[in-house]
């Protein structure tokens, strides 16, 4: 099987903490052909979408040490038609230039793309949770999104909350997340001037500060509509953001029964939208964000629970490709049978 990964930057991978590298290693162990490419490697040649890929190979006995494995990987640059891949996985942080999706639209009927392109289009920013239809706020925090400074100020004035969270609509990794406090009202206009440029269609999210947020959040990994693992992220001293990229620490965690019910409910919606590999961020019974482009956490969950979630991910790749091959064979058989009947 030939698998491609659209990634952020191979040179900046942190081997012990990279979910992408763990998945790549498992693919190579299973003798699959693996390539990586960046979004700016996409190109069209003779009306066919290609990529300037880096094909990975590893010689000798596989080492358990992931850093050593990473350093020994050999890279060969090639130009490959993307429809030659059986499966392509998106592993790049948002935001992504919409043109990238146009490139991939050309091959989506021939190649398994995880996640589904139309699903990513729906969910590649923080507005996706509005499609969950939870007006009562049973599992979503009170949330407002706007590009209007006047409206955001109005919401803050009308709110009963002393604290609120503000963050950019298309950020990732905890970048740009701040706590607004009503008693610091004089600073809010300056912050809005920084976050919003009404001439450029920029937006912010204003969200209720959930009780217990200062203790961190929970990252849940969803695969094929099911929660397969979770861990708690606790913020560093003096920090509200629990993201690992912002100095947060990883701790073992077991989902509560109510959290499992919420994940199951959300899983149905994720599958309907073709979002097979997803990270949910939760505090208590509230879903803060849905990460569909480059969710991490596999390595932390593996380490804390002695699991190998990356194997489940590659199992899923193989199952999806096998399903596609079976459907193609069935279709070819039906077409041949109809042709014989007509003759």
Protein backbone atom coordinates (compact mmCIF):
# COMPACT_ATOMS: atom_id res chain seq x y z
CA UNK A 1 0.00 0.00 0.00
CA UNK A 2 1.24 3.48 -0.83
CA UNK A 3 0.54 6.13 1.82
CA UNK A 4 1.20 9.86 1.71
CA UNK A 5 1.27 12.33 4.58
CA UNK A 6 0.76 16.05 4.01
CA UNK A 7 2.71 17.48 6.93
CA UNK A 8 3.89 20.74 8.46
CA UNK A 9 7.70 20.39 8.52
CA UNK A 10 9.73 17.17 8.57
CA UNK A 11 12.83 18.94 9.89
CA UNK A 12 11.01 20.28 12.95
CA UNK A 13 9.39 17.03 14.07
CA UNK A 14 9.84 16.29 17.77
CA UNK A 15 10.21 12.49 17.56
CA UNK A 16 9.12 11.45 21.10
CA UNK A 17 5.97 13.59 20.87
CA UNK A 18 5.00 13.24 17.22
CA UNK A 19 1.83 11.28 16.51
CA UNK A 20 2.61 11.58 12.80
CA UNK A 21 6.01 9.94 13.19
CA UNK A 22 4.53 7.10 15.26
CA UNK A 23 2.04 6.38 12.47
CA UNK A 24 4.73 6.63 9.79
CA UNK A 25 6.95 4.17 11.65
CA UNK A 26 4.10 1.66 11.88
CA UNK A 27 3.44 2.02 8.14
CA UNK A 28 7.10 1.34 7.34
CA UNK A 29 7.15 -1.63 9.72
CA UNK A 30 4.28 -3.10 7.71
CA UNK A 31 6.26 -2.62 4.48
CA UNK A 32 3.99 0.09 3.12
CA UNK A 33 5.53 2.70 0.83
CA UNK A 34 5.48 6.04 2.66
CA UNK A 35 5.96 9.56 1.36
CA UNK A 36 5.65 13.00 2.92
CA UNK A 37 4.97 16.31 1.21
CA UNK A 38 4.17 19.90 2.04
CA UNK A 39 1.22 21.86 0.71
CA UNK A 40 3.52 23.92 -1.52
CA UNK A 41 4.79 20.67 -3.09
CA UNK A 42 1.48 20.19 -4.90
CA UNK A 43 1.61 20.79 -8.64
CA UNK A 44 -0.16 19.98 -11.91
CA UNK A 45 1.67 18.28 -14.77
CA UNK A 46 -0.16 17.56 -18.03
CA UNK A 47 -3.49 18.23 -16.29
CA UNK A 48 -2.76 15.62 -13.60
CA UNK A 49 -2.16 16.54 -9.96
CA UNK A 50 1.32 15.56 -8.76
CA UNK A 51 3.42 16.17 -5.70
CA UNK A 52 7.12 16.72 -5.17
CA UNK A 53 7.25 14.13 -2.41
CA UNK A 54 9.96 12.86 -0.11
CA UNK A 55 9.76 9.07 -0.21
CA UNK A 56 10.91 7.56 3.09
CA UNK A 57 12.82 4.35 3.59
CA UNK A 58 14.50 2.62 6.51
CA UNK A 59 17.18 -0.03 6.26
CA UNK A 60 18.13 -2.55 8.89
CA UNK A 61 16.44 -3.64 12.08
CA UNK A 62 13.81 -1.26 13.41
CA UNK A 63 14.80 0.33 16.69
CA UNK A 64 12.39 0.96 19.56
CA UNK A 65 14.00 4.37 20.09
CA UNK A 66 11.85 6.74 18.02
CA UNK A 67 14.51 9.47 17.89
CA UNK A 68 17.08 7.04 16.54
CA UNK A 69 14.53 5.77 14.04
CA UNK A 70 13.82 9.33 12.87
CA UNK A 71 17.51 10.11 12.37
CA UNK A 72 18.11 6.97 10.32
CA UNK A 73 15.24 7.47 7.88
CA UNK A 74 16.43 7.98 4.32
CA UNK A 75 14.69 10.46 2.05
CA UNK A 76 14.44 10.40 -1.75
CA UNK A 77 12.75 13.26 -3.58
CA UNK A 78 10.39 12.26 -6.40
CA UNK A 79 7.59 13.68 -8.53
CA UNK A 80 4.58 11.38 -8.16
CA UNK A 81 1.00 11.58 -9.45
CA UNK A 82 -1.14 11.76 -6.33
CA UNK A 83 -3.71 9.27 -7.62
CA UNK A 84 -0.94 6.66 -7.29
CA UNK A 85 -1.40 6.81 -3.51
CA UNK A 86 -3.88 4.41 -1.92
CA UNK A 87 -4.30 6.72 1.06
CA UNK A 88 -3.32 10.30 1.92
CA UNK A 89 -3.49 11.65 5.46
CA UNK A 90 -3.65 15.36 6.25
CA UNK A 91 -1.30 16.23 9.11
CA UNK A 92 -0.86 19.99 8.81
CA UNK A 93 -1.81 22.68 11.30
CA UNK A 94 -4.57 25.12 10.33
CA UNK A 95 -5.21 27.37 8.58
CA UNK A 96 -4.79 25.76 5.18
CA UNK A 97 -5.00 27.62 1.89
CA UNK A 98 -8.30 26.56 0.23
CA UNK A 99 -6.36 25.97 -3.01
CA UNK A 100 -4.87 22.86 -1.37
CA UNK A 101 -8.34 21.31 -1.24
CA UNK A 102 -8.84 22.11 -4.93
CA UNK A 103 -5.69 20.15 -5.77
CA UNK A 104 -6.91 17.18 -3.74
CA UNK A 105 -10.44 17.34 -5.18
CA UNK A 106 -8.95 15.98 -8.39
CA UNK A 107 -8.03 12.65 -6.76
CA UNK A 108 -10.62 12.18 -4.01
CA UNK A 109 -12.56 9.58 -6.03
CA UNK A 110 -9.44 7.49 -6.59
CA UNK A 111 -7.56 7.87 -3.31
CA UNK A 112 -8.68 7.56 0.32
CA UNK A 113 -8.12 10.96 1.96
CA UNK A 114 -8.24 11.19 5.75
CA UNK A 115 -10.06 13.23 6.67
CA UNK A 116 -12.65 13.61 3.90
CA UNK A 117 -12.11 16.92 2.08
CA UNK A 118 -15.69 18.10 2.42
CA UNK A 119 -15.57 17.24 6.11
CA UNK A 120 -12.38 19.25 6.55
CA UNK A 121 -13.95 22.19 4.74
CA UNK A 122 -16.78 22.12 7.26
CA UNK A 123 -14.60 21.62 10.30
CA UNK A 124 -11.22 23.27 9.75
CA UNK A 125 -12.08 26.15 12.06
CA UNK A 126 -13.83 26.47 15.39
CA UNK A 127 -17.28 27.16 13.90
CA UNK A 128 -17.83 23.45 13.31
CA UNK A 129 -19.25 22.86 16.79
CA UNK A 130 -22.28 24.99 15.83
CA UNK A 131 -23.40 22.11 13.60
CA UNK A 132 -23.85 19.90 16.68
CA UNK A 133 -27.12 21.72 17.47
CA UNK A 134 -26.89 22.08 21.23
CA UNK A 135 -28.98 25.21 21.99
CA UNK A 136 -29.45 24.14 25.61
CA UNK A 137 -25.70 24.05 26.20
CA UNK A 138 -25.73 20.48 27.48
CA UNK A 139 -22.30 19.65 26.03
CA UNK A 140 -21.11 22.88 24.38
CA UNK A 141 -20.00 26.03 26.24
CA UNK A 142 -21.80 29.33 25.65
CA UNK A 143 -20.05 30.62 22.54
CA UNK A 144 -20.17 33.77 20.42
CA UNK A 145 -18.32 34.44 17.16
CA UNK A 146 -18.07 37.80 15.45
CA UNK A 147 -15.84 40.14 13.49
CA UNK A 148 -17.53 43.20 14.96
CA UNK A 149 -15.79 44.95 17.85
CA UNK A 150 -19.05 46.67 18.79
CA UNK A 151 -20.90 43.35 19.01
CA UNK A 152 -18.16 41.64 21.03
CA UNK A 153 -18.20 44.57 23.47
CA UNK A 154 -21.98 44.25 23.73
CA UNK A 155 -21.75 40.53 24.51
CA UNK A 156 -19.16 41.21 27.22
CA UNK A 157 -21.37 43.93 28.74
CA UNK A 158 -24.43 41.67 28.73
CA UNK A 159 -22.66 38.57 30.03
CA UNK A 160 -23.13 37.36 33.59
CA UNK A 161 -19.68 35.77 33.50
CA UNK A 162 -16.81 37.55 35.24
CA UNK A 163 -14.34 35.68 33.03
CA UNK A 164 -14.51 34.69 29.36
CA UNK A 165 -12.11 33.06 26.94
CA UNK A 166 -11.22 34.86 23.69
CA UNK A 167 -9.34 33.23 20.81
CA UNK A 168 -8.94 33.59 17.04
CA UNK A 169 -11.27 31.58 14.86
CA UNK A 170 -8.55 29.78 12.92
CA UNK A 171 -5.78 29.35 15.49
CA UNK A 172 -4.23 26.13 16.72
CA UNK A 173 -1.96 24.85 19.47
CA UNK A 174 -3.34 27.35 21.99
CA UNK A 175 -1.94 30.33 20.09
CA UNK A 176 -3.84 33.53 20.78
CA UNK A 177 -5.99 32.17 23.62
CA UNK A 178 -6.51 34.70 26.41
CA UNK A 179 -8.75 35.17 29.45
CA UNK A 180 -10.89 38.31 29.53
CA UNK A 181 -11.91 39.64 32.94
CA UNK A 182 -14.66 42.18 33.34
CA UNK A 183 -12.74 44.06 36.00
CA UNK A 184 -10.05 44.73 33.36
CA UNK A 185 -12.57 46.33 31.01
CA UNK A 186 -10.23 49.14 29.94
CA UNK A 187 -7.91 46.65 28.19
CA UNK A 188 -10.58 44.94 26.13
CA UNK A 189 -10.77 47.50 23.33
CA UNK A 190 -7.00 47.32 22.85
CA UNK A 191 -7.19 43.53 22.64
CA UNK A 192 -10.01 43.70 20.11
CA UNK A 193 -7.99 46.14 18.01
CA UNK A 194 -5.20 43.56 17.98
CA UNK A 195 -7.42 40.57 17.15
CA UNK A 196 -9.88 42.14 14.72
CA UNK A 197 -9.34 43.89 11.43
CA UNK A 198 -12.86 44.50 10.18
CA UNK A 199 -11.53 45.25 6.68
CA UNK A 200 -10.03 41.74 6.40
CA UNK A 201 -12.89 39.53 7.61
CA UNK A 202 -11.12 38.45 10.80
CA UNK A 203 -13.14 36.86 13.59
CA UNK A 204 -12.80 36.00 17.26
CA UNK A 205 -14.50 33.49 19.48
CA UNK A 206 -15.82 34.57 22.85
CA UNK A 207 -16.55 31.60 25.11
CA UNK A 208 -17.65 31.13 28.67
CA UNK A 209 -14.86 30.33 31.13
CA UNK A 210 -15.73 26.82 32.26
CA UNK A 211 -15.30 25.93 35.90
CA UNK A 212 -12.17 23.83 36.28
CA UNK A 213 -10.47 25.30 33.19
CA UNK A 214 -7.54 26.44 35.31
CA UNK A 215 -6.78 22.74 35.96
CA UNK A 216 -6.48 21.99 32.26
CA UNK A 217 -8.47 20.05 29.68
CA UNK A 218 -8.79 16.57 28.22
CA UNK A 219 -7.69 15.59 24.72
CA UNK A 220 -9.74 12.71 23.31
CA UNK A 221 -8.64 10.84 20.19
CA UNK A 222 -11.55 9.72 18.03
CA UNK A 223 -11.04 7.08 15.34
CA UNK A 224 -13.87 5.97 13.06
CA UNK A 225 -16.43 7.62 15.32
CA UNK A 226 -15.19 6.06 18.57
CA UNK A 227 -13.07 7.37 21.44
CA UNK A 228 -9.93 5.22 21.49
CA UNK A 229 -7.94 7.11 24.14
CA UNK A 230 -7.63 10.27 26.20
CA UNK A 231 -5.23 12.14 28.45
CA UNK A 232 -5.35 15.26 30.59
CA UNK A 233 -3.34 18.37 29.74
CA UNK A 234 -2.47 20.61 32.69
CA UNK A 235 -1.15 24.14 32.21
CA UNK A 236 2.26 25.29 33.41
CA UNK A 237 2.44 27.66 36.38
CA UNK A 238 1.16 31.11 35.47
CA UNK A 239 -0.45 29.84 32.26
CA UNK A 240 -4.11 29.23 31.40
CA UNK A 241 -3.43 27.28 28.19
CA UNK A 242 -2.96 23.57 28.70
CA UNK A 243 -1.67 22.81 25.19
CA UNK A 244 1.54 20.79 25.20
CA UNK A 245 3.03 23.31 22.71
CA UNK A 246 2.52 26.01 25.37
CA UNK A 247 4.32 24.13 28.14
CA UNK A 248 1.40 22.01 29.36
CA UNK A 249 2.02 18.60 30.91
CA UNK A 250 0.42 15.25 30.09
CA UNK A 251 -1.35 13.12 32.71
CA UNK A 252 -3.22 9.84 32.67
CA UNK A 253 -6.97 10.18 32.40
CA UNK A 254 -10.00 7.93 32.09
CA UNK A 255 -13.12 9.32 30.48
CA UNK A 256 -16.19 9.56 32.69
CA UNK A 257 -19.38 7.79 31.67
CA UNK A 258 -21.00 11.10 30.70
CA UNK A 259 -17.97 12.03 28.59
CA UNK A 260 -18.15 8.65 26.86
CA UNK A 261 -21.83 9.28 26.04
CA UNK A 262 -21.00 12.68 24.58
CA UNK A 263 -18.17 11.22 22.48
CA UNK A 264 -20.49 8.51 21.19
CA UNK A 265 -23.09 11.10 20.23
CA UNK A 266 -20.51 13.30 18.50
CA UNK A 267 -18.97 10.26 16.81
CA UNK A 268 -22.10 9.74 14.74
CA UNK A 269 -21.90 13.29 13.41
CA UNK A 270 -18.15 13.01 12.74
CA UNK A 271 -18.63 9.85 10.67
CA UNK A 272 -21.48 11.44 8.70
CA UNK A 273 -19.09 14.24 7.76
CA UNK A 274 -16.22 11.87 6.86
CA UNK A 275 -14.11 12.96 9.84
CA UNK A 276 -12.45 9.69 10.80
CA UNK A 277 -9.42 10.86 12.80
CA UNK A 278 -10.24 13.67 15.19
CA UNK A 279 -9.10 15.23 18.44
CA UNK A 280 -11.71 16.56 20.86
CA UNK A 281 -10.77 19.04 23.59
CA UNK A 282 -13.02 18.79 26.62
CA UNK A 283 -13.38 20.31 30.06
CA UNK A 284 -15.80 18.29 32.12
CA UNK A 285 -18.80 17.54 29.93
CA UNK A 286 -18.18 20.43 27.55
CA UNK A 287 -16.53 20.13 24.11
CA UNK A 288 -14.34 23.16 23.48
CA UNK A 289 -12.88 22.34 20.07
CA UNK A 290 -12.80 19.71 17.36
CA UNK A 291 -9.40 19.24 15.71
CA UNK A 292 -9.61 17.59 12.30
CA UNK A 293 -6.36 18.54 10.56
CA UNK A 294 -3.46 17.60 12.81
CA UNK A 295 -4.66 16.29 16.18
CA UNK A 296 -1.87 15.09 18.43
CA UNK A 297 -1.83 13.10 21.63
CA UNK A 298 -1.22 9.53 20.50
CA UNK A 299 2.29 9.39 21.95
CA UNK A 300 1.17 10.71 25.34
CA UNK A 301 -1.77 8.32 25.54
CA UNK A 302 0.48 5.42 24.53
CA UNK A 303 3.10 6.30 27.14
CA UNK A 304 0.64 6.86 29.99
CA UNK A 305 -1.46 3.76 29.31
CA UNK A 306 1.01 1.35 27.67
CA UNK A 307 -1.05 1.38 24.48
CA UNK A 308 -0.18 1.44 20.77
CA UNK A 309 -2.94 3.59 19.28
CA UNK A 310 -0.90 4.22 16.13
CA UNK A 311 -1.44 0.56 15.22
CA UNK A 312 -5.19 1.09 15.31
CA UNK A 313 -4.80 4.07 12.99
CA UNK A 314 -2.83 2.06 10.41
CA UNK A 315 -5.32 -0.82 10.77
CA UNK A 316 -8.01 1.70 9.83
CA UNK A 317 -6.04 2.88 6.78
CA UNK A 318 -5.76 -0.69 5.56
CA UNK A 319 -9.47 -1.39 6.15
CA UNK A 320 -10.54 1.72 4.22
CA UNK A 321 -8.29 0.87 1.28
CA UNK A 322 -9.50 -2.75 1.25
CA UNK A 323 -13.12 -1.53 1.26
CA UNK A 324 -12.43 0.73 -1.70
CA UNK A 325 -10.76 -2.10 -3.64
CA UNK A 326 -13.69 -4.44 -2.91
CA UNK A 327 -16.20 -1.85 -4.10
CA UNK A 328 -14.19 -1.28 -7.27
CA UNK A 329 -14.09 -5.04 -7.98
CA UNK A 330 -17.85 -5.32 -7.35
CA UNK A 331 -18.54 -2.39 -9.68
CA UNK A 332 -16.34 -3.85 -12.42
CA UNK A 333 -18.14 -7.21 -12.06
CA UNK A 334 -21.57 -5.57 -12.30
CA UNK A 335 -20.57 -3.54 -15.35
CA UNK A 336 -19.18 -6.64 -17.04
CA UNK A 337 -22.33 -8.61 -16.18
CA UNK A 338 -24.60 -5.87 -17.57
CA UNK A 339 -22.51 -5.73 -20.73
CA UNK A 340 -22.86 -9.49 -21.21
CA UNK A 341 -26.64 -9.31 -20.69
CA UNK A 342 -26.97 -6.56 -23.27
CA UNK A 343 -24.98 -8.53 -25.81
